[in-house]
Amino acid sequence: MNFTFAPVIPAGSLCAAVQPSLPSTDGELVLRPWAEDDAAVVLSAYEDPVIRRWHTRHLATLEEARERIAAHGRGWREERVAEWAVTGAVGGEVLGRVALRWMDLQRGLAECAYWVLPHARGKGVAPRALATVADWALDEVGFHRLELVHSDRNEASCRVATKAGFAGEGVRRSAHLHEDGWHDMHLHGRVQGDG
């Protein structure tokens, strides 16, 4: 079945080039595609109790981490997902992750996700990384809307979304199943033209 409107982002627009590295506006962070050498960092991230608390998917082995990284590359080539390692601009140490998940190029929509490693928390890494990927997606690629959801119990994630310019839009009641049961989810959005 055909759509009644042209694609917001034509198919092939992203995968025609390699996934870019994106510098933060302050120059302190670089978002770069994940590399196979990052597998140990990815595995350690999913062993962190805070990340495990808010993310419903976990990794148990180095091989699973490598497969996850390989899946990121396939996701870019298939224009379904874009995942970046958030690194320090000096030294390149991995500090966290930011992603565009469930990209819908036809409608110009994507969902954002992020986490930060324990040693990098409380330094503004997540909001700067999220703002960087949002600016790129909305201003350069042409997405119309980005959204993110987080548990209503995750106050830190709410602060990240707000600092990165994502307006609170409401609550999706009993929307995600976590280890401790169903959570209400806060919905945040940012659209082209938001300041």
C-alpha atoms as a PDB file:
ATOM      1  CA  MET A   1       0.000   0.000   0.000  1.00  0.00           C
ATOM      2  CA  ASN A   2       1.327   3.445  -0.892  1.00  0.00           C
ATOM      3  CA  PHE A   3       1.446   6.505   1.330  1.00  0.00           C
ATOM      4  CA  THR A   4      -0.414   9.675   0.439  1.00  0.00           C
ATOM      5  CA  PHE A   5       2.724  11.747   1.117  1.00  0.00           C
ATOM      6  CA  ALA A   6       6.327  11.631  -0.014  1.00  0.00           C
ATOM      7  CA  PRO A   7       8.894  10.296   2.453  1.00  0.00           C
ATOM      8  CA  VAL A   8      10.126  12.908   4.887  1.00  0.00           C
ATOM      9  CA  ILE A   9      13.607  11.384   4.457  1.00  0.00           C
ATOM     10  CA  PRO A  10      14.069   9.445   1.203  1.00  0.00           C
ATOM     11  CA  ALA A  11      15.181   5.830   1.596  1.00  0.00           C
ATOM     12  CA  GLY A  12      18.921   5.508   1.066  1.00  0.00           C
ATOM     13  CA  SER A  13      19.666   8.980   2.439  1.00  0.00           C
ATOM     14  CA  LEU A  14      21.480   7.655   5.507  1.00  0.00           C
ATOM     15  CA  CYS A  15      23.080   4.448   4.285  1.00  0.00           C
ATOM     16  CA  ALA A  16      24.542   6.187   1.216  1.00  0.00           C
ATOM     17  CA  ALA A  17      27.335   7.360   3.530  1.00  0.00           C
ATOM     18  CA  VAL A  18      29.202   5.937   6.487  1.00  0.00           C
ATOM     19  CA  GLN A  19      27.704   6.725   9.857  1.00  0.00           C
ATOM     20  CA  PRO A  20      29.184  10.061  10.891  1.00  0.00           C
ATOM     21  CA  SER A  21      31.024  11.003  14.044  1.00  0.00           C
ATOM     22  CA  LEU A  22      29.398  14.023  15.685  1.00  0.00           C
ATOM     23  CA  PRO A  23      31.202  16.553  17.907  1.00  0.00           C
ATOM     24  CA  SER A  24      29.241  18.187  20.720  1.00  0.00           C
ATOM     25  CA  THR A  25      28.807  21.952  20.428  1.00  0.00           C
ATOM     26  CA  ASP A  26      31.172  22.524  23.352  1.00  0.00           C
ATOM     27  CA  GLY A  27      33.828  20.356  21.696  1.00  0.00           C
ATOM     28  CA  GLU A  28      34.241  18.142  24.774  1.00  0.00           C
ATOM     29  CA  LEU A  29      32.437  15.055  23.434  1.00  0.00           C
ATOM     30  CA  VAL A  30      32.528  13.043  20.230  1.00  0.00           C
ATOM     31  CA  LEU A  31      29.752  10.670  19.240  1.00  0.00           C
ATOM     32  CA  ARG A  32      31.274   7.952  17.068  1.00  0.00           C
ATOM     33  CA  PRO A  33      30.029   4.642  15.713  1.00  0.00           C
ATOM     34  CA  TRP A  34      30.705   1.677  17.960  1.00  0.00           C
ATOM     35  CA  ALA A  35      33.739  -0.471  17.090  1.00  0.00           C
ATOM     36  CA  GLU A  36      34.331  -4.158  17.762  1.00  0.00           C
ATOM     37  CA  ASP A  37      37.062  -3.146  20.215  1.00  0.00           C
ATOM     38  CA  ASP A  38      34.348  -1.550  22.396  1.00  0.00           C
ATOM     39  CA  ALA A  39      32.787  -4.916  23.290  1.00  0.00           C
ATOM     40  CA  ALA A  40      34.290  -5.046  26.802  1.00  0.00           C
ATOM     41  CA  VAL A  41      32.981  -1.536  27.559  1.00  0.00           C
ATOM     42  CA  VAL A  42      29.505  -2.444  26.306  1.00  0.00           C
ATOM     43  CA  LEU A  43      29.476  -5.600  28.418  1.00  0.00           C
ATOM     44  CA  SER A  44      30.595  -3.706  31.523  1.00  0.00           C
ATOM     45  CA  ALA A  45      27.878  -1.089  30.928  1.00  0.00           C
ATOM     46  CA  TYR A  46      25.163  -3.718  31.044  1.00  0.00           C
ATOM     47  CA  GLU A  47      26.659  -5.094  34.264  1.00  0.00           C
ATOM     48  CA  ASP A  48      26.187  -1.703  35.956  1.00  0.00           C
ATOM     49  CA  PRO A  49      23.243  -1.847  38.400  1.00  0.00           C
ATOM     50  CA  VAL A  50      21.845   1.545  37.332  1.00  0.00           C
ATOM     51  CA  ILE A  51      21.864   0.677  33.627  1.00  0.00           C
ATOM     52  CA  ARG A  52      20.389  -2.746  34.414  1.00  0.00           C
ATOM     53  CA  ARG A  53      17.659  -1.068  36.469  1.00  0.00           C
ATOM     54  CA  TRP A  54      16.330   1.020  33.589  1.00  0.00           C
ATOM     55  CA  HIS A  55      17.114  -1.145  30.546  1.00  0.00           C
ATOM     56  CA  THR A  56      15.139  -4.296  29.980  1.00  0.00           C
ATOM     57  CA  ARG A  57      17.704  -5.987  27.722  1.00  0.00           C
ATOM     58  CA  HIS A  58      20.953  -7.289  29.165  1.00  0.00           C
ATOM     59  CA  LEU A  59      24.147  -8.815  27.816  1.00  0.00           C
ATOM     60  CA  ALA A  60      25.883 -11.734  29.507  1.00  0.00           C
ATOM     61  CA  THR A  61      29.003 -12.411  27.417  1.00  0.00           C
ATOM     62  CA  LEU A  62      31.644 -10.645  25.382  1.00  0.00           C
ATOM     63  CA  GLU A  63      30.324 -12.453  22.303  1.00  0.00           C
ATOM     64  CA  GLU A  64      26.849 -10.990  22.901  1.00  0.00           C
ATOM     65  CA  ALA A  65      28.415  -7.527  23.168  1.00  0.00           C
ATOM     66  CA  ARG A  66      30.249  -8.050  19.868  1.00  0.00           C
ATOM     67  CA  GLU A  67      27.009  -9.172  18.225  1.00  0.00           C
ATOM     68  CA  ARG A  68      25.227  -6.105  19.583  1.00  0.00           C
ATOM     69  CA  ILE A  69      27.902  -3.872  18.047  1.00  0.00           C
ATOM     70  CA  ALA A  70      27.630  -5.734  14.728  1.00  0.00           C
ATOM     71  CA  ALA A  71      23.851  -5.251  14.881  1.00  0.00           C
ATOM     72  CA  HIS A  72      24.407  -1.495  15.207  1.00  0.00           C
ATOM     73  CA  GLY A  73      26.301  -1.526  11.913  1.00  0.00           C
ATOM     74  CA  ARG A  74      23.540  -3.510  10.205  1.00  0.00           C
ATOM     75  CA  GLY A  75      20.946  -1.156  11.673  1.00  0.00           C
ATOM     76  CA  TRP A  76      22.681   1.836  10.067  1.00  0.00           C
ATOM     77  CA  ARG A  77      22.990   0.099   6.680  1.00  0.00           C
ATOM     78  CA  GLU A  78      19.298  -0.877   6.851  1.00  0.00           C
ATOM     79  CA  GLU A  79      18.314   2.619   8.078  1.00  0.00           C
ATOM     80  CA  ARG A  80      16.527   1.233  11.133  1.00  0.00           C
ATOM     81  CA  VAL A  81      18.760   2.442  13.970  1.00  0.00           C
ATOM     82  CA  ALA A  82      21.786   4.648  14.608  1.00  0.00           C
ATOM     83  CA  GLU A  83      23.913   4.018  17.702  1.00  0.00           C
ATOM     84  CA  TRP A  84      26.916   5.990  18.880  1.00  0.00           C
ATOM     85  CA  ALA A  85      29.545   5.581  21.558  1.00  0.00           C
ATOM     86  CA  VAL A  86      29.810   8.852  23.466  1.00  0.00           C
ATOM     87  CA  THR A  87      33.493   9.558  24.011  1.00  0.00           C
ATOM     88  CA  GLY A  88      35.664  12.259  25.452  1.00  0.00           C
ATOM     89  CA  ALA A  89      37.101  14.453  22.703  1.00  0.00           C
ATOM     90  CA  VAL A  90      40.520  14.198  24.366  1.00  0.00           C
ATOM     91  CA  GLY A  91      41.690  10.621  24.760  1.00  0.00           C
ATOM     92  CA  GLY A  92      38.584   9.012  23.272  1.00  0.00           C
ATOM     93  CA  GLU A  93      37.454   7.234  26.450  1.00  0.00           C
ATOM     94  CA  VAL A  94      33.940   5.790  26.118  1.00  0.00           C
ATOM     95  CA  LEU A  95      31.596   7.609  28.497  1.00  0.00           C
ATOM     96  CA  GLY A  96      28.207   6.382  27.354  1.00  0.00           C
ATOM     97  CA  ARG A  97      25.805   5.642  24.543  1.00  0.00           C
ATOM     98  CA  VAL A  98      23.222   7.606  22.573  1.00  0.00           C
ATOM     99  CA  ALA A  99      20.952   6.221  19.874  1.00  0.00           C
ATOM    100  CA  LEU A 100      18.170   6.831  17.438  1.00  0.00           C
ATOM    101  CA  ARG A 101      16.013   3.740  17.695  1.00  0.00           C
ATOM    102  CA  TRP A 102      13.070   2.690  15.581  1.00  0.00           C
ATOM    103  CA  MET A 103      13.759   5.188  12.829  1.00  0.00           C
ATOM    104  CA  ASP A 104      10.806   5.741  10.491  1.00  0.00           C
ATOM    105  CA  LEU A 105      12.163   7.653   7.502  1.00  0.00           C
ATOM    106  CA  GLN A 106       8.803   7.730   5.745  1.00  0.00           C
ATOM    107  CA  ARG A 107       7.263   9.750   8.571  1.00  0.00           C
ATOM    108  CA  GLY A 108      10.489  11.395   9.788  1.00  0.00           C
ATOM    109  CA  LEU A 109      10.240   9.948  13.304  1.00  0.00           C
ATOM    110  CA  ALA A 110      12.714   8.275  15.659  1.00  0.00           C
ATOM    111  CA  GLU A 111      13.029   7.385  19.320  1.00  0.00           C
ATOM    112  CA  CYS A 112      16.123   8.383  21.311  1.00  0.00           C
ATOM    113  CA  ALA A 113      17.881   6.339  23.982  1.00  0.00           C
ATOM    114  CA  TYR A 114      20.988   6.823  26.114  1.00  0.00           C
ATOM    115  CA  TRP A 115      23.013   5.677  29.078  1.00  0.00           C
ATOM    116  CA  VAL A 116      26.170   6.898  30.792  1.00  0.00           C
ATOM    117  CA  LEU A 117      28.858   4.829  32.488  1.00  0.00           C
ATOM    118  CA  PRO A 118      29.236   5.289  36.264  1.00  0.00           C
ATOM    119  CA  HIS A 119      32.503   7.256  36.151  1.00  0.00           C
ATOM    120  CA  ALA A 120      31.007   9.832  33.746  1.00  0.00           C
ATOM    121  CA  ARG A 121      27.698  10.519  35.525  1.00  0.00           C
ATOM    122  CA  GLY A 122      26.895  13.930  36.952  1.00  0.00           C
ATOM    123  CA  LYS A 123      29.034  15.751  34.361  1.00  0.00           C
ATOM    124  CA  GLY A 124      26.360  16.615  31.793  1.00  0.00           C
ATOM    125  CA  VAL A 125      27.424  13.887  29.363  1.00  0.00           C
ATOM    126  CA  ALA A 126      23.928  12.540  28.655  1.00  0.00           C
ATOM    127  CA  PRO A 127      22.158  15.856  27.934  1.00  0.00           C
ATOM    128  CA  ARG A 128      25.023  17.091  25.736  1.00  0.00           C
ATOM    129  CA  ALA A 129      25.135  13.817  23.789  1.00  0.00           C
ATOM    130  CA  LEU A 130      21.355  13.732  23.409  1.00  0.00           C
ATOM    131  CA  ALA A 131      21.259  17.371  22.241  1.00  0.00           C
ATOM    132  CA  THR A 132      24.065  16.654  19.755  1.00  0.00           C
ATOM    133  CA  VAL A 133      22.289  13.710  18.148  1.00  0.00           C
ATOM    134  CA  ALA A 134      18.958  15.567  18.184  1.00  0.00           C
ATOM    135  CA  ASP A 135      20.447  18.639  16.482  1.00  0.00           C
ATOM    136  CA  TRP A 136      21.999  16.424  13.807  1.00  0.00           C
ATOM    137  CA  ALA A 137      18.850  14.363  13.248  1.00  0.00           C
ATOM    138  CA  LEU A 138      16.460  17.325  13.090  1.00  0.00           C
ATOM    139  CA  ASP A 139      18.631  19.982  11.434  1.00  0.00           C
ATOM    140  CA  GLU A 140      20.907  17.987   9.131  1.00  0.00           C
ATOM    141  CA  VAL A 141      19.102  14.738   8.325  1.00  0.00           C
ATOM    142  CA  GLY A 142      15.591  16.179   8.312  1.00  0.00           C
ATOM    143  CA  PHE A 143      13.726  14.130  10.900  1.00  0.00           C
ATOM    144  CA  HIS A 144      10.538  15.924  11.884  1.00  0.00           C
ATOM    145  CA  ARG A 145      10.074  14.490  15.386  1.00  0.00           C
ATOM    146  CA  LEU A 146      12.215  12.747  17.975  1.00  0.00           C
ATOM    147  CA  GLU A 147      10.814  11.269  21.126  1.00  0.00           C
ATOM    148  CA  LEU A 148      11.988   9.360  24.142  1.00  0.00           C
ATOM    149  CA  VAL A 149      10.353   7.516  26.981  1.00  0.00           C
ATOM    150  CA  HIS A 150      11.653   6.690  30.434  1.00  0.00           C
ATOM    151  CA  SER A 151      10.180   5.223  33.577  1.00  0.00           C
ATOM    152  CA  ASP A 152       8.359   7.784  35.696  1.00  0.00           C
ATOM    153  CA  ARG A 153      10.612   6.555  38.524  1.00  0.00           C
ATOM    154  CA  ASN A 154      13.782   7.536  36.636  1.00  0.00           C
ATOM    155  CA  GLU A 155      14.153  11.178  37.671  1.00  0.00           C
ATOM    156  CA  ALA A 156      17.698  11.466  36.283  1.00  0.00           C
ATOM    157  CA  SER A 157      16.502  10.545  32.794  1.00  0.00           C
ATOM    158  CA  CYS A 158      13.731  13.126  33.050  1.00  0.00           C
ATOM    159  CA  ARG A 159      16.327  15.811  33.798  1.00  0.00           C
ATOM    160  CA  VAL A 160      18.446  14.690  30.828  1.00  0.00           C
ATOM    161  CA  ALA A 161      15.495  14.935  28.442  1.00  0.00           C
ATOM    162  CA  THR A 162      14.517  18.389  29.661  1.00  0.00           C
ATOM    163  CA  LYS A 163      18.082  19.740  29.509  1.00  0.00           C
ATOM    164  CA  ALA A 164      18.398  18.473  25.923  1.00  0.00           C
ATOM    165  CA  GLY A 165      15.273  20.376  24.845  1.00  0.00           C
ATOM    166  CA  PHE A 166      12.747  17.523  24.891  1.00  0.00           C
ATOM    167  CA  ALA A 167       9.414  18.786  26.192  1.00  0.00           C
ATOM    168  CA  GLY A 168       7.411  16.612  28.572  1.00  0.00           C
ATOM    169  CA  GLU A 169       4.276  15.475  26.754  1.00  0.00           C
ATOM    170  CA  GLY A 170       2.533  13.114  29.125  1.00  0.00           C
ATOM    171  CA  VAL A 171       2.486   9.699  30.719  1.00  0.00           C
ATOM    172  CA  ARG A 172       1.993   6.360  28.999  1.00  0.00           C
ATOM    173  CA  ARG A 173       0.337   4.378  31.776  1.00  0.00           C
ATOM    174  CA  SER A 174       1.666   0.904  32.584  1.00  0.00           C
ATOM    175  CA  ALA A 175       3.575   0.867  29.295  1.00  0.00           C
ATOM    176  CA  HIS A 176       6.850  -1.006  29.936  1.00  0.00           C
ATOM    177  CA  LEU A 177       7.518  -4.190  31.836  1.00  0.00           C
ATOM    178  CA  HIS A 178      10.644  -4.101  34.016  1.00  0.00           C
ATOM    179  CA  GLU A 179      12.008  -6.730  36.417  1.00  0.00           C
ATOM    180  CA  ASP A 180       9.928  -5.238  39.233  1.00  0.00           C
ATOM    181  CA  GLY A 181       6.695  -4.987  37.252  1.00  0.00           C
ATOM    182  CA  TRP A 182       4.917  -2.527  34.979  1.00  0.00           C
ATOM    183  CA  HIS A 183       6.114   1.078  34.884  1.00  0.00           C
ATOM    184  CA  ASP A 184       4.342   4.210  33.751  1.00  0.00           C
ATOM    185  CA  MET A 185       6.518   5.944  31.170  1.00  0.00           C
ATOM    186  CA  HIS A 186       7.097   9.653  30.725  1.00  0.00           C
ATOM    187  CA  LEU A 187       6.966  10.733  27.069  1.00  0.00           C
ATOM    188  CA  HIS A 188       9.164  13.586  25.852  1.00  0.00           C
ATOM    189  CA  GLY A 189       9.346  15.024  22.346  1.00  0.00           C
ATOM    190  CA  ARG A 190      11.375  17.434  20.292  1.00  0.00           C
ATOM    191  CA  VAL A 191      10.319  18.570  16.818  1.00  0.00           C
ATOM    192  CA  GLN A 192      11.905  20.649  14.097  1.00  0.00           C
ATOM    193  CA  GLY A 193      11.857  24.279  15.127  1.00  0.00           C
ATOM    194  CA  ASP A 194      11.949  23.693  18.880  1.00  0.00           C
ATOM    195  CA  GLY A 195      14.457  26.059  20.480  1.00  0.00           C
END
